[in-house]
Amino acid sequence: MFGRTACQLVKELSSSEKGQLTDFDECVFSPTMRKFLCEIVPVWPALFLAQSGSENDMFEQVVKECSTHYLELQSLMRKIQEEGMDIQTARNADHFGMVIHHLSLMRNKRCLMAYVYNRAEIIRNLRWKIGPVLPQEIHEKLSYSEKEYFKNHSTALESYMSELELDLTVDMVPPKDPYIQVRVLEDIGEVLLSDQSANLARHSMHFLKRIDAEQFISQGLMEELTG
């Protein structure tokens, strides 16, 4: 049935844990397929067209189904024109076949757009929650262009914050105290903080400014001690 795989792709996306990414497996599309995607699925070229992929093969299956609908639609249009009929007014079997393929194509396109957009939204949020360096287990789930998208988004954000001279990614909730006590979980080494230099050795404890500790906490390199 037309559109079933696209529907399943979106259902799998919606059933995953909120804010979590599943693997975007790499695959390669032919130049013809890339051209086709440019024509019918203009979904953020930096994220989608520069590479392509499939989740459990479903993504690729939906794109291939789109290609089939597109070719069938073009064939029926040519047939109607060759028979001397007006595409806009013809109401024969070929016309209704065109309608079915067109609606199926547009539905698949919306499902693909929803899939790519939702992944992009999660990737943007990761920059704010984790910082400019993603953990390896998350990094491995991204496609090549998603990695580039994250890097470019991070660069733009850092440039903007540099102009403001303000780190917008810390203290999303106003803190009660600007300083916190932390324990270092992994050896970080000697670092220069905003008000001091410190040797952040593994298992050592420090009293740091929240703005300095936040980036290490988000990367899992240290933890805040409470109570």
N, C-alpha and C. Protein backbone atom coordinates (compact mmCIF):
# COMPACT_ATOMS: atom_id res chain seq x y z
N MET A 1 0.85 -1.20 0.00
CA MET A 1 0.00 0.00 0.00
C MET A 1 0.88 1.25 0.00
N PHE A 2 0.52 2.22 -0.85
CA PHE A 2 1.29 3.44 -0.94
C PHE A 2 1.31 4.16 0.42
N GLY A 3 2.50 4.66 0.80
CA GLY A 3 2.62 5.47 2.00
C GLY A 3 2.78 4.70 3.29
N ARG A 4 2.68 3.37 3.25
CA ARG A 4 2.76 2.59 4.49
C ARG A 4 4.15 2.70 5.12
N THR A 5 5.20 2.59 4.32
CA THR A 5 6.55 2.65 4.86
C THR A 5 6.85 4.02 5.44
N ALA A 6 6.40 5.08 4.77
CA ALA A 6 6.61 6.44 5.28
C ALA A 6 5.91 6.62 6.62
N CYS A 7 4.71 6.08 6.72
CA CYS A 7 3.97 6.16 7.98
C CYS A 7 4.70 5.41 9.08
N GLN A 8 5.25 4.27 8.75
CA GLN A 8 6.00 3.48 9.72
C GLN A 8 7.25 4.21 10.18
N LEU A 9 7.91 4.93 9.26
CA LEU A 9 9.10 5.71 9.61
C LEU A 9 8.78 6.77 10.64
N VAL A 10 7.66 7.48 10.42
CA VAL A 10 7.26 8.53 11.36
C VAL A 10 6.83 7.93 12.70
N LYS A 11 6.15 6.79 12.65
CA LYS A 11 5.74 6.14 13.90
C LYS A 11 6.94 5.72 14.73
N GLU A 12 7.97 5.21 14.06
CA GLU A 12 9.18 4.81 14.78
C GLU A 12 9.85 6.03 15.41
N LEU A 13 9.82 7.14 14.69
CA LEU A 13 10.38 8.38 15.22
C LEU A 13 9.62 8.84 16.46
N SER A 14 8.28 8.79 16.39
CA SER A 14 7.46 9.26 17.51
C SER A 14 7.50 8.32 18.71
N SER A 15 7.81 7.05 18.47
CA SER A 15 7.84 6.08 19.57
C SER A 15 9.16 6.07 20.32
N SER A 16 10.20 6.70 19.74
CA SER A 16 11.50 6.75 20.41
C SER A 16 11.43 7.71 21.59
N GLU A 17 12.34 7.54 22.53
CA GLU A 17 12.35 8.39 23.72
C GLU A 17 12.59 9.84 23.33
N LYS A 18 11.84 10.74 23.96
CA LYS A 18 11.91 12.15 23.61
C LYS A 18 13.33 12.69 23.80
N GLY A 19 13.82 13.38 22.77
CA GLY A 19 15.15 13.98 22.84
C GLY A 19 16.28 13.03 22.54
N GLN A 20 15.96 11.76 22.21
CA GLN A 20 16.99 10.77 21.94
C GLN A 20 17.07 10.48 20.43
N LEU A 21 18.28 10.25 19.95
CA LEU A 21 18.49 9.96 18.53
C LEU A 21 18.72 8.48 18.32
N THR A 22 18.16 7.95 17.23
CA THR A 22 18.49 6.60 16.79
C THR A 22 19.51 6.72 15.66
N ASP A 23 20.10 5.60 15.28
CA ASP A 23 21.14 5.62 14.25
C ASP A 23 20.58 6.10 12.91
N PHE A 24 21.37 6.89 12.21
CA PHE A 24 21.06 7.30 10.84
C PHE A 24 22.11 6.63 9.98
N ASP A 25 21.84 5.42 9.53
CA ASP A 25 22.82 4.63 8.80
C ASP A 25 23.13 5.25 7.46
N GLU A 26 24.42 5.20 7.08
CA GLU A 26 24.84 5.78 5.82
C GLU A 26 24.51 4.89 4.63
N CYS A 27 24.12 5.49 3.54
CA CYS A 27 24.01 4.78 2.26
C CYS A 27 24.28 5.80 1.17
N VAL A 28 24.47 5.37 -0.04
CA VAL A 28 24.83 6.27 -1.13
C VAL A 28 23.75 6.24 -2.19
N PHE A 29 23.31 7.42 -2.63
CA PHE A 29 22.35 7.52 -3.71
C PHE A 29 23.06 7.92 -4.99
N SER A 30 22.53 7.48 -6.10
CA SER A 30 23.10 7.80 -7.39
C SER A 30 22.87 9.27 -7.72
N PRO A 31 23.63 9.84 -8.66
CA PRO A 31 23.40 11.23 -9.07
C PRO A 31 21.97 11.47 -9.53
N THR A 32 21.37 10.47 -10.19
CA THR A 32 19.99 10.62 -10.65
C THR A 32 19.05 10.78 -9.47
N MET A 33 19.27 9.97 -8.42
CA MET A 33 18.43 10.06 -7.24
C MET A 33 18.61 11.41 -6.55
N ARG A 34 19.85 11.88 -6.48
CA ARG A 34 20.09 13.18 -5.86
C ARG A 34 19.36 14.30 -6.62
N LYS A 35 19.40 14.23 -7.97
CA LYS A 35 18.71 15.23 -8.77
C LYS A 35 17.21 15.17 -8.53
N PHE A 36 16.70 13.95 -8.44
CA PHE A 36 15.27 13.77 -8.17
C PHE A 36 14.89 14.38 -6.83
N LEU A 37 15.73 14.15 -5.81
CA LEU A 37 15.43 14.69 -4.49
C LEU A 37 15.44 16.21 -4.50
N CYS A 38 16.35 16.79 -5.26
CA CYS A 38 16.41 18.25 -5.37
C CYS A 38 15.11 18.81 -5.96
N GLU A 39 14.49 18.04 -6.84
CA GLU A 39 13.28 18.50 -7.52
C GLU A 39 12.04 18.37 -6.65
N ILE A 40 11.94 17.25 -5.90
CA ILE A 40 10.68 17.02 -5.20
C ILE A 40 10.77 17.09 -3.68
N VAL A 41 11.99 17.03 -3.12
CA VAL A 41 12.10 17.05 -1.66
C VAL A 41 13.11 18.11 -1.24
N PRO A 42 12.76 19.40 -1.35
CA PRO A 42 13.70 20.46 -0.98
C PRO A 42 13.76 20.62 0.53
N VAL A 43 14.41 19.67 1.21
CA VAL A 43 14.44 19.66 2.66
C VAL A 43 15.85 19.95 3.15
N TRP A 44 16.15 21.23 3.37
CA TRP A 44 17.43 21.60 3.93
C TRP A 44 18.58 20.85 3.29
N PRO A 45 19.07 21.29 2.14
CA PRO A 45 20.16 20.59 1.46
C PRO A 45 21.34 20.26 2.36
N ALA A 46 21.68 21.14 3.28
CA ALA A 46 22.83 20.87 4.14
C ALA A 46 22.63 19.65 5.01
N LEU A 47 21.37 19.35 5.29
CA LEU A 47 21.09 18.20 6.16
C LEU A 47 20.77 16.95 5.38
N PHE A 48 20.13 17.12 4.22
CA PHE A 48 19.52 15.96 3.57
C PHE A 48 20.15 15.61 2.24
N LEU A 49 20.39 16.61 1.40
CA LEU A 49 20.83 16.31 0.05
C LEU A 49 22.33 16.06 -0.05
N ALA A 50 23.11 16.68 0.81
CA ALA A 50 24.55 16.47 0.75
C ALA A 50 24.92 15.04 1.10
N GLN A 51 24.03 14.38 1.77
CA GLN A 51 24.18 12.97 2.07
C GLN A 51 22.80 12.37 2.08
N SER A 52 22.73 11.08 2.22
CA SER A 52 21.44 10.45 2.41
C SER A 52 21.65 9.21 3.24
N GLY A 53 20.59 8.74 3.84
CA GLY A 53 20.75 7.60 4.71
C GLY A 53 19.45 6.86 4.88
N SER A 54 19.43 5.86 5.72
CA SER A 54 18.22 5.12 5.98
C SER A 54 18.20 4.64 7.40
N GLU A 55 17.06 4.63 8.02
CA GLU A 55 16.90 4.09 9.35
C GLU A 55 16.18 2.77 9.19
N ASN A 56 16.94 1.67 9.46
CA ASN A 56 16.40 0.33 9.25
C ASN A 56 15.88 0.18 7.81
N ASP A 57 16.56 0.82 6.89
CA ASP A 57 16.24 0.77 5.46
C ASP A 57 14.95 1.49 5.10
N MET A 58 14.18 1.94 6.07
CA MET A 58 12.88 2.55 5.78
C MET A 58 13.03 3.88 5.06
N PHE A 59 14.00 4.68 5.49
CA PHE A 59 14.18 5.99 4.86
C PHE A 59 14.46 5.82 3.38
N GLU A 60 15.39 4.91 3.05
CA GLU A 60 15.74 4.68 1.65
C GLU A 60 14.54 4.12 0.87
N GLN A 61 13.75 3.26 1.51
CA GLN A 61 12.58 2.70 0.85
C GLN A 61 11.57 3.78 0.50
N VAL A 62 11.38 4.74 1.40
CA VAL A 62 10.43 5.84 1.14
C VAL A 62 10.92 6.69 -0.02
N VAL A 63 12.22 6.98 -0.05
CA VAL A 63 12.77 7.79 -1.15
C VAL A 63 12.61 7.07 -2.48
N LYS A 64 12.86 5.77 -2.49
CA LYS A 64 12.70 5.00 -3.72
C LYS A 64 11.23 4.96 -4.16
N GLU A 65 10.32 4.88 -3.19
CA GLU A 65 8.90 4.92 -3.52
C GLU A 65 8.53 6.27 -4.12
N CYS A 66 9.11 7.35 -3.58
CA CYS A 66 8.89 8.68 -4.14
C CYS A 66 9.35 8.72 -5.60
N SER A 67 10.49 8.12 -5.87
CA SER A 67 11.02 8.09 -7.23
C SER A 67 10.06 7.36 -8.17
N THR A 68 9.51 6.25 -7.68
CA THR A 68 8.56 5.49 -8.49
C THR A 68 7.32 6.31 -8.80
N HIS A 69 6.76 6.97 -7.78
CA HIS A 69 5.58 7.82 -7.98
C HIS A 69 5.87 8.93 -8.98
N TYR A 70 7.04 9.53 -8.85
CA TYR A 70 7.42 10.64 -9.72
C TYR A 70 7.50 10.19 -11.18
N LEU A 71 8.12 9.05 -11.41
CA LEU A 71 8.25 8.54 -12.78
C LEU A 71 6.89 8.15 -13.36
N GLU A 72 6.04 7.54 -12.54
CA GLU A 72 4.71 7.16 -13.00
C GLU A 72 3.88 8.40 -13.32
N LEU A 73 4.01 9.42 -12.49
CA LEU A 73 3.29 10.67 -12.71
C LEU A 73 3.70 11.31 -14.02
N GLN A 74 5.01 11.36 -14.28
CA GLN A 74 5.51 11.95 -15.52
C GLN A 74 5.03 11.14 -16.73
N SER A 75 5.01 9.82 -16.61
CA SER A 75 4.57 8.97 -17.70
C SER A 75 3.10 9.20 -18.05
N LEU A 76 2.25 9.31 -17.03
CA LEU A 76 0.82 9.53 -17.26
C LEU A 76 0.57 10.92 -17.84
N MET A 77 1.34 11.90 -17.42
CA MET A 77 1.19 13.25 -17.97
C MET A 77 1.53 13.26 -19.45
N ARG A 78 2.62 12.57 -19.81
CA ARG A 78 3.00 12.51 -21.22
C ARG A 78 1.94 11.78 -22.04
N LYS A 79 1.38 10.72 -21.48
CA LYS A 79 0.35 9.94 -22.19
C LYS A 79 -0.88 10.79 -22.48
N ILE A 80 -1.32 11.58 -21.49
CA ILE A 80 -2.48 12.43 -21.68
C ILE A 80 -2.21 13.48 -22.75
N GLN A 81 -1.02 14.06 -22.73
CA GLN A 81 -0.65 15.08 -23.71
C GLN A 81 -0.56 14.48 -25.11
N GLU A 82 -0.01 13.27 -25.22
CA GLU A 82 0.11 12.62 -26.52
C GLU A 82 -1.25 12.28 -27.12
N GLU A 83 -2.25 12.07 -26.25
CA GLU A 83 -3.60 11.79 -26.72
C GLU A 83 -4.39 13.05 -27.03
N GLY A 84 -3.71 14.21 -26.93
CA GLY A 84 -4.33 15.48 -27.29
C GLY A 84 -5.29 16.02 -26.26
N MET A 85 -5.25 15.54 -25.05
CA MET A 85 -6.16 16.01 -24.01
C MET A 85 -5.47 17.03 -23.10
N ASP A 86 -6.29 17.83 -22.45
CA ASP A 86 -5.79 18.85 -21.52
C ASP A 86 -5.64 18.21 -20.14
N ILE A 87 -4.43 18.32 -19.57
CA ILE A 87 -4.17 17.72 -18.26
C ILE A 87 -5.09 18.30 -17.19
N GLN A 88 -5.43 19.57 -17.31
CA GLN A 88 -6.24 20.23 -16.30
C GLN A 88 -7.71 19.80 -16.34
N THR A 89 -8.19 19.41 -17.49
CA THR A 89 -9.62 19.11 -17.61
C THR A 89 -9.92 17.62 -17.84
N ALA A 90 -8.92 16.84 -18.21
CA ALA A 90 -9.15 15.41 -18.46
C ALA A 90 -9.61 14.71 -17.19
N ARG A 91 -10.61 13.83 -17.34
CA ARG A 91 -11.14 13.11 -16.19
C ARG A 91 -11.27 11.62 -16.52
N ASN A 92 -10.21 11.05 -17.04
CA ASN A 92 -10.22 9.63 -17.37
C ASN A 92 -9.37 8.87 -16.35
N ALA A 93 -9.14 7.57 -16.62
CA ALA A 93 -8.39 6.73 -15.68
C ALA A 93 -6.97 7.25 -15.47
N ASP A 94 -6.37 7.77 -16.54
CA ASP A 94 -5.01 8.30 -16.41
C ASP A 94 -4.96 9.50 -15.48
N HIS A 95 -6.00 10.33 -15.58
CA HIS A 95 -6.06 11.52 -14.70
C HIS A 95 -6.10 11.09 -13.24
N PHE A 96 -6.97 10.15 -12.91
CA PHE A 96 -7.09 9.73 -11.52
C PHE A 96 -5.86 8.95 -11.06
N GLY A 97 -5.19 8.29 -12.00
CA GLY A 97 -3.91 7.67 -11.66
C GLY A 97 -2.88 8.72 -11.29
N MET A 98 -2.88 9.83 -12.03
CA MET A 98 -1.98 10.95 -11.71
C MET A 98 -2.25 11.49 -10.31
N VAL A 99 -3.53 11.63 -9.99
CA VAL A 99 -3.91 12.16 -8.67
C VAL A 99 -3.38 11.26 -7.55
N ILE A 100 -3.55 9.94 -7.74
CA ILE A 100 -3.09 9.00 -6.72
C ILE A 100 -1.58 9.09 -6.52
N HIS A 101 -0.84 9.09 -7.63
CA HIS A 101 0.63 9.16 -7.51
C HIS A 101 1.08 10.50 -6.94
N HIS A 102 0.40 11.59 -7.32
CA HIS A 102 0.77 12.91 -6.80
C HIS A 102 0.53 13.00 -5.30
N LEU A 103 -0.64 12.57 -4.84
CA LEU A 103 -0.95 12.64 -3.42
C LEU A 103 -0.04 11.73 -2.60
N SER A 104 0.27 10.55 -3.15
CA SER A 104 1.18 9.64 -2.46
C SER A 104 2.58 10.24 -2.35
N LEU A 105 3.01 10.89 -3.42
CA LEU A 105 4.32 11.54 -3.44
C LEU A 105 4.39 12.64 -2.40
N MET A 106 3.35 13.48 -2.32
CA MET A 106 3.35 14.58 -1.37
C MET A 106 3.28 14.08 0.07
N ARG A 107 2.55 13.00 0.28
CA ARG A 107 2.46 12.44 1.64
C ARG A 107 3.81 11.90 2.07
N ASN A 108 4.48 11.17 1.20
CA ASN A 108 5.81 10.67 1.52
C ASN A 108 6.78 11.81 1.78
N LYS A 109 6.65 12.86 0.99
CA LYS A 109 7.52 14.02 1.16
C LYS A 109 7.34 14.62 2.55
N ARG A 110 6.09 14.75 3.00
CA ARG A 110 5.83 15.31 4.33
C ARG A 110 6.42 14.43 5.42
N CYS A 111 6.34 13.12 5.24
CA CYS A 111 6.90 12.21 6.23
C CYS A 111 8.42 12.32 6.30
N LEU A 112 9.06 12.43 5.13
CA LEU A 112 10.51 12.60 5.10
C LEU A 112 10.93 13.91 5.74
N MET A 113 10.17 14.96 5.46
CA MET A 113 10.46 16.28 6.05
C MET A 113 10.32 16.23 7.57
N ALA A 114 9.28 15.56 8.05
CA ALA A 114 9.07 15.45 9.49
C ALA A 114 10.22 14.70 10.15
N TYR A 115 10.68 13.65 9.49
CA TYR A 115 11.78 12.84 10.03
C TYR A 115 13.06 13.67 10.13
N VAL A 116 13.41 14.36 9.04
CA VAL A 116 14.64 15.14 9.01
C VAL A 116 14.55 16.34 9.96
N TYR A 117 13.39 17.00 9.99
CA TYR A 117 13.24 18.18 10.85
C TYR A 117 13.36 17.82 12.33
N ASN A 118 12.71 16.73 12.72
CA ASN A 118 12.76 16.34 14.13
C ASN A 118 14.16 15.96 14.57
N ARG A 119 14.91 15.29 13.71
CA ARG A 119 16.30 14.97 14.05
C ARG A 119 17.12 16.26 14.17
N ALA A 120 16.89 17.21 13.28
CA ALA A 120 17.63 18.48 13.33
C ALA A 120 17.31 19.24 14.62
N GLU A 121 16.06 19.17 15.05
CA GLU A 121 15.67 19.86 16.28
C GLU A 121 16.38 19.25 17.49
N ILE A 122 16.49 17.93 17.52
CA ILE A 122 17.20 17.27 18.61
C ILE A 122 18.68 17.65 18.58
N ILE A 123 19.26 17.70 17.38
CA ILE A 123 20.67 18.04 17.24
C ILE A 123 20.94 19.46 17.74
N ARG A 124 20.05 20.39 17.41
CA ARG A 124 20.22 21.76 17.92
C ARG A 124 20.15 21.80 19.44
N ASN A 125 19.21 21.06 20.02
CA ASN A 125 19.07 21.06 21.47
C ASN A 125 20.28 20.45 22.16
N LEU A 126 20.92 19.49 21.48
CA LEU A 126 22.11 18.88 22.07
C LEU A 126 23.23 19.90 22.27
N ARG A 127 23.33 20.85 21.35
CA ARG A 127 24.36 21.89 21.48
C ARG A 127 24.15 22.70 22.75
N TRP A 128 22.90 22.98 23.09
CA TRP A 128 22.60 23.78 24.27
C TRP A 128 22.75 22.96 25.56
N LYS A 129 22.43 21.67 25.48
CA LYS A 129 22.45 20.84 26.68
C LYS A 129 23.83 20.27 26.98
N ILE A 130 24.56 19.87 25.94
CA ILE A 130 25.82 19.15 26.13
C ILE A 130 27.04 20.03 25.86
N GLY A 131 26.93 20.92 24.87
CA GLY A 131 28.05 21.76 24.52
C GLY A 131 28.58 21.45 23.13
N PRO A 132 29.74 22.01 22.77
CA PRO A 132 30.26 21.87 21.40
C PRO A 132 30.85 20.49 21.09
N VAL A 133 31.07 19.66 22.10
CA VAL A 133 31.65 18.33 21.90
C VAL A 133 30.62 17.27 22.29
N LEU A 134 30.21 16.47 21.32
CA LEU A 134 29.22 15.43 21.58
C LEU A 134 29.89 14.16 22.09
N PRO A 135 29.26 13.44 23.01
CA PRO A 135 29.78 12.14 23.41
C PRO A 135 29.86 11.20 22.22
N GLN A 136 30.80 10.27 22.25
CA GLN A 136 31.03 9.37 21.12
C GLN A 136 29.78 8.57 20.76
N GLU A 137 29.03 8.14 21.78
CA GLU A 137 27.85 7.31 21.50
C GLU A 137 26.76 8.08 20.76
N ILE A 138 26.72 9.39 20.93
CA ILE A 138 25.76 10.21 20.18
C ILE A 138 26.33 10.56 18.82
N HIS A 139 27.60 10.89 18.78
CA HIS A 139 28.26 11.27 17.53
C HIS A 139 28.15 10.17 16.48
N GLU A 140 28.22 8.93 16.91
CA GLU A 140 28.17 7.80 15.99
C GLU A 140 26.79 7.62 15.35
N LYS A 141 25.76 8.19 15.96
CA LYS A 141 24.40 8.03 15.45
C LYS A 141 24.06 9.06 14.37
N LEU A 142 24.92 10.05 14.17
CA LEU A 142 24.66 11.11 13.21
C LEU A 142 25.18 10.76 11.83
N SER A 143 24.49 11.22 10.82
CA SER A 143 24.99 11.10 9.46
C SER A 143 26.08 12.16 9.25
N TYR A 144 26.77 12.07 8.14
CA TYR A 144 27.85 13.04 7.87
C TYR A 144 27.31 14.47 7.88
N SER A 145 26.20 14.71 7.19
CA SER A 145 25.69 16.07 7.10
C SER A 145 25.08 16.54 8.41
N GLU A 146 24.59 15.62 9.22
CA GLU A 146 24.11 16.02 10.54
C GLU A 146 25.28 16.46 11.42
N LYS A 147 26.42 15.81 11.26
CA LYS A 147 27.62 16.23 11.99
C LYS A 147 28.05 17.63 11.53
N GLU A 148 27.98 17.87 10.22
CA GLU A 148 28.32 19.19 9.69
C GLU A 148 27.32 20.24 10.17
N TYR A 149 26.06 19.86 10.21
CA TYR A 149 25.01 20.77 10.69
C TYR A 149 25.26 21.15 12.15
N PHE A 150 25.59 20.17 12.97
CA PHE A 150 25.88 20.45 14.38
C PHE A 150 27.09 21.37 14.51
N LYS A 151 28.14 21.10 13.73
CA LYS A 151 29.35 21.91 13.79
C LYS A 151 29.08 23.35 13.36
N ASN A 152 28.33 23.52 12.28
CA ASN A 152 28.03 24.87 11.79
C ASN A 152 27.11 25.63 12.75
N HIS A 153 26.14 24.91 13.32
CA HIS A 153 25.25 25.54 14.30
C HIS A 153 26.04 25.97 15.53
N SER A 154 26.96 25.10 15.96
CA SER A 154 27.78 25.41 17.12
C SER A 154 28.68 26.62 16.85
N THR A 155 29.26 26.66 15.65
CA THR A 155 30.13 27.79 15.29
C THR A 155 29.36 29.09 15.27
N ALA A 156 28.15 29.07 14.71
CA ALA A 156 27.32 30.28 14.65
C ALA A 156 26.94 30.75 16.05
N LEU A 157 26.60 29.79 16.91
CA LEU A 157 26.23 30.14 18.28
C LEU A 157 27.41 30.72 19.04
N GLU A 158 28.58 30.12 18.88
CA GLU A 158 29.77 30.61 19.57
C GLU A 158 30.16 32.01 19.07
N SER A 159 29.99 32.25 17.77
CA SER A 159 30.29 33.57 17.22
C SER A 159 29.36 34.63 17.80
N TYR A 160 28.09 34.27 17.91
CA TYR A 160 27.10 35.21 18.47
C TYR A 160 27.39 35.50 19.93
N MET A 161 27.70 34.44 20.70
CA MET A 161 27.99 34.64 22.12
C MET A 161 29.28 35.44 22.33
N SER A 162 30.23 35.27 21.40
CA SER A 162 31.48 36.02 21.49
C SER A 162 31.23 37.51 21.29
N GLU A 163 30.33 37.84 20.37
CA GLU A 163 29.99 39.24 20.15
C GLU A 163 29.30 39.84 21.37
N LEU A 164 28.48 39.02 22.03
CA LEU A 164 27.78 39.49 23.23
C LEU A 164 28.67 39.46 24.47
N GLU A 165 29.77 38.68 24.37
CA GLU A 165 30.63 38.41 25.53
C GLU A 165 29.80 37.80 26.65
N LEU A 166 28.97 36.83 26.28
CA LEU A 166 28.08 36.18 27.23
C LEU A 166 27.82 34.75 26.79
N ASP A 167 27.98 33.81 27.71
CA ASP A 167 27.70 32.40 27.41
C ASP A 167 26.23 32.13 27.69
N LEU A 168 25.47 31.95 26.62
CA LEU A 168 24.02 31.76 26.74
C LEU A 168 23.65 30.32 27.10
N THR A 169 24.61 29.42 27.06
CA THR A 169 24.29 28.01 27.26
C THR A 169 24.35 27.58 28.72
N VAL A 170 24.79 28.45 29.60
CA VAL A 170 24.85 28.11 31.02
C VAL A 170 23.76 28.84 31.78
N ASP A 171 23.45 28.31 32.93
CA ASP A 171 22.44 28.91 33.80
C ASP A 171 21.12 29.15 33.07
N MET A 172 20.62 28.10 32.42
CA MET A 172 19.31 28.21 31.77
C MET A 172 18.23 28.49 32.82
N VAL A 173 18.47 27.99 34.05
CA VAL A 173 17.64 28.32 35.21
C VAL A 173 18.50 29.14 36.15
N PRO A 174 18.07 30.32 36.58
CA PRO A 174 18.90 31.18 37.44
C PRO A 174 19.38 30.42 38.68
N PRO A 175 20.71 30.37 38.92
CA PRO A 175 21.24 29.62 40.06
C PRO A 175 21.09 30.39 41.36
N LYS A 176 21.05 29.63 42.47
CA LYS A 176 20.97 30.26 43.78
C LYS A 176 22.34 30.76 44.23
N ASP A 177 23.39 30.08 43.75
CA ASP A 177 24.76 30.43 44.14
C ASP A 177 25.63 30.36 42.90
N PRO A 178 26.48 31.38 42.65
CA PRO A 178 27.34 31.35 41.45
C PRO A 178 28.45 30.30 41.55
N TYR A 179 28.73 29.79 42.76
CA TYR A 179 29.78 28.78 42.94
C TYR A 179 29.15 27.43 43.33
N ILE A 180 29.76 26.36 42.86
CA ILE A 180 29.30 25.01 43.20
C ILE A 180 30.49 24.14 43.54
N GLN A 181 30.26 23.09 44.31
CA GLN A 181 31.31 22.12 44.62
C GLN A 181 31.18 20.96 43.65
N VAL A 182 32.31 20.55 43.08
CA VAL A 182 32.27 19.49 42.07
C VAL A 182 33.34 18.44 42.35
N ARG A 183 33.12 17.23 41.80
CA ARG A 183 34.11 16.17 41.84
C ARG A 183 34.48 15.83 40.40
N VAL A 184 35.76 15.74 40.11
CA VAL A 184 36.22 15.43 38.76
C VAL A 184 36.14 13.92 38.54
N LEU A 185 35.47 13.51 37.47
CA LEU A 185 35.28 12.09 37.19
C LEU A 185 36.34 11.52 36.25
N GLU A 186 36.86 12.35 35.36
CA GLU A 186 37.91 11.94 34.43
C GLU A 186 39.02 12.98 34.48
N ASP A 187 40.25 12.53 34.29
CA ASP A 187 41.38 13.45 34.36
C ASP A 187 41.29 14.49 33.24
N ILE A 188 41.21 15.76 33.60
CA ILE A 188 41.08 16.85 32.63
C ILE A 188 42.41 17.58 32.47
N GLY A 189 43.16 17.67 33.56
CA GLY A 189 44.45 18.33 33.50
C GLY A 189 44.38 19.79 33.95
N GLU A 190 45.43 20.50 33.65
CA GLU A 190 45.53 21.91 34.03
C GLU A 190 44.70 22.76 33.07
N VAL A 191 43.78 23.55 33.62
CA VAL A 191 42.93 24.41 32.79
C VAL A 191 42.91 25.81 33.36
N LEU A 192 42.68 26.78 32.50
CA LEU A 192 42.56 28.17 32.90
C LEU A 192 41.09 28.53 32.94
N LEU A 193 40.58 28.82 34.14
CA LEU A 193 39.18 29.16 34.33
C LEU A 193 39.02 30.68 34.35
N SER A 194 37.82 31.15 34.55
CA SER A 194 37.57 32.59 34.47
C SER A 194 38.24 33.37 35.58
N ASP A 195 38.45 32.74 36.74
CA ASP A 195 39.04 33.47 37.87
C ASP A 195 40.26 32.78 38.48
N GLN A 196 40.68 31.66 37.87
CA GLN A 196 41.81 30.93 38.43
C GLN A 196 42.27 29.85 37.45
N SER A 197 43.43 29.28 37.73
CA SER A 197 43.86 28.09 37.00
C SER A 197 43.77 26.93 37.99
N ALA A 198 43.43 25.75 37.49
CA ALA A 198 43.24 24.61 38.38
C ALA A 198 43.68 23.33 37.70
N ASN A 199 44.18 22.43 38.51
CA ASN A 199 44.56 21.10 38.02
C ASN A 199 43.38 20.16 38.31
N LEU A 200 42.61 19.85 37.28
CA LEU A 200 41.41 19.04 37.45
C LEU A 200 41.76 17.56 37.29
N ALA A 201 42.37 17.02 38.33
CA ALA A 201 42.76 15.61 38.32
C ALA A 201 41.57 14.74 38.70
N ARG A 202 41.60 13.51 38.25
CA ARG A 202 40.51 12.58 38.53
C ARG A 202 40.31 12.39 40.04
N HIS A 203 39.05 12.42 40.47
CA HIS A 203 38.61 12.24 41.85
C HIS A 203 38.89 13.46 42.73
N SER A 204 39.50 14.50 42.18
CA SER A 204 39.72 15.70 42.99
C SER A 204 38.43 16.50 43.10
N MET A 205 38.31 17.28 44.17
CA MET A 205 37.11 18.10 44.40
C MET A 205 37.50 19.57 44.38
N HIS A 206 36.60 20.38 43.85
CA HIS A 206 36.90 21.81 43.70
C HIS A 206 35.65 22.63 43.97
N PHE A 207 35.89 23.90 44.27
CA PHE A 207 34.81 24.87 44.45
C PHE A 207 34.95 25.87 43.30
N LEU A 208 34.13 25.71 42.27
CA LEU A 208 34.29 26.47 41.04
C LEU A 208 33.06 27.32 40.75
N LYS A 209 33.29 28.31 39.89
CA LYS A 209 32.15 29.06 39.37
C LYS A 209 31.29 28.12 38.52
N ARG A 210 29.99 28.26 38.66
CA ARG A 210 29.09 27.39 37.90
C ARG A 210 29.34 27.52 36.40
N ILE A 211 29.62 28.75 35.94
CA ILE A 211 29.83 28.98 34.51
C ILE A 211 31.05 28.22 34.00
N ASP A 212 32.07 27.99 34.88
CA ASP A 212 33.27 27.25 34.48
C ASP A 212 33.03 25.75 34.51
N ALA A 213 32.24 25.30 35.48
CA ALA A 213 32.03 23.86 35.66
C ALA A 213 30.98 23.29 34.72
N GLU A 214 30.08 24.12 34.25
CA GLU A 214 28.94 23.63 33.50
C GLU A 214 29.35 22.83 32.26
N GLN A 215 30.33 23.29 31.52
CA GLN A 215 30.74 22.60 30.30
C GLN A 215 31.31 21.21 30.59
N PHE A 216 32.04 21.09 31.70
CA PHE A 216 32.61 19.79 32.07
C PHE A 216 31.53 18.84 32.60
N ILE A 217 30.56 19.39 33.31
CA ILE A 217 29.46 18.58 33.82
C ILE A 217 28.64 18.03 32.67
N SER A 218 28.36 18.88 31.67
CA SER A 218 27.54 18.46 30.53
C SER A 218 28.22 17.38 29.71
N GLN A 219 29.58 17.36 29.75
CA GLN A 219 30.33 16.35 29.00
C GLN A 219 30.60 15.10 29.82
N GLY A 220 30.10 15.09 31.05
CA GLY A 220 30.28 13.91 31.90
C GLY A 220 31.67 13.80 32.50
N LEU A 221 32.42 14.90 32.51
CA LEU A 221 33.79 14.87 33.03
C LEU A 221 33.84 15.18 34.52
N MET A 222 32.79 15.81 35.04
CA MET A 222 32.72 16.08 36.47
C MET A 222 31.26 16.09 36.91
N GLU A 223 31.03 16.03 38.21
CA GLU A 223 29.67 16.04 38.74
C GLU A 223 29.55 17.06 39.84
N GLU A 224 28.37 17.62 39.99
CA GLU A 224 28.13 18.59 41.04
C GLU A 224 27.80 17.84 42.33
N LEU A 225 28.39 18.29 43.44
CA LEU A 225 28.13 17.70 44.74
C LEU A 225 27.07 18.53 45.45
N THR A 226 26.01 17.89 45.83
CA THR A 226 24.92 18.58 46.52
C THR A 226 24.69 17.94 47.88
N GLY A 227 24.15 18.74 48.79
CA GLY A 227 23.82 18.22 50.11
C GLY A 227 25.02 18.07 51.03
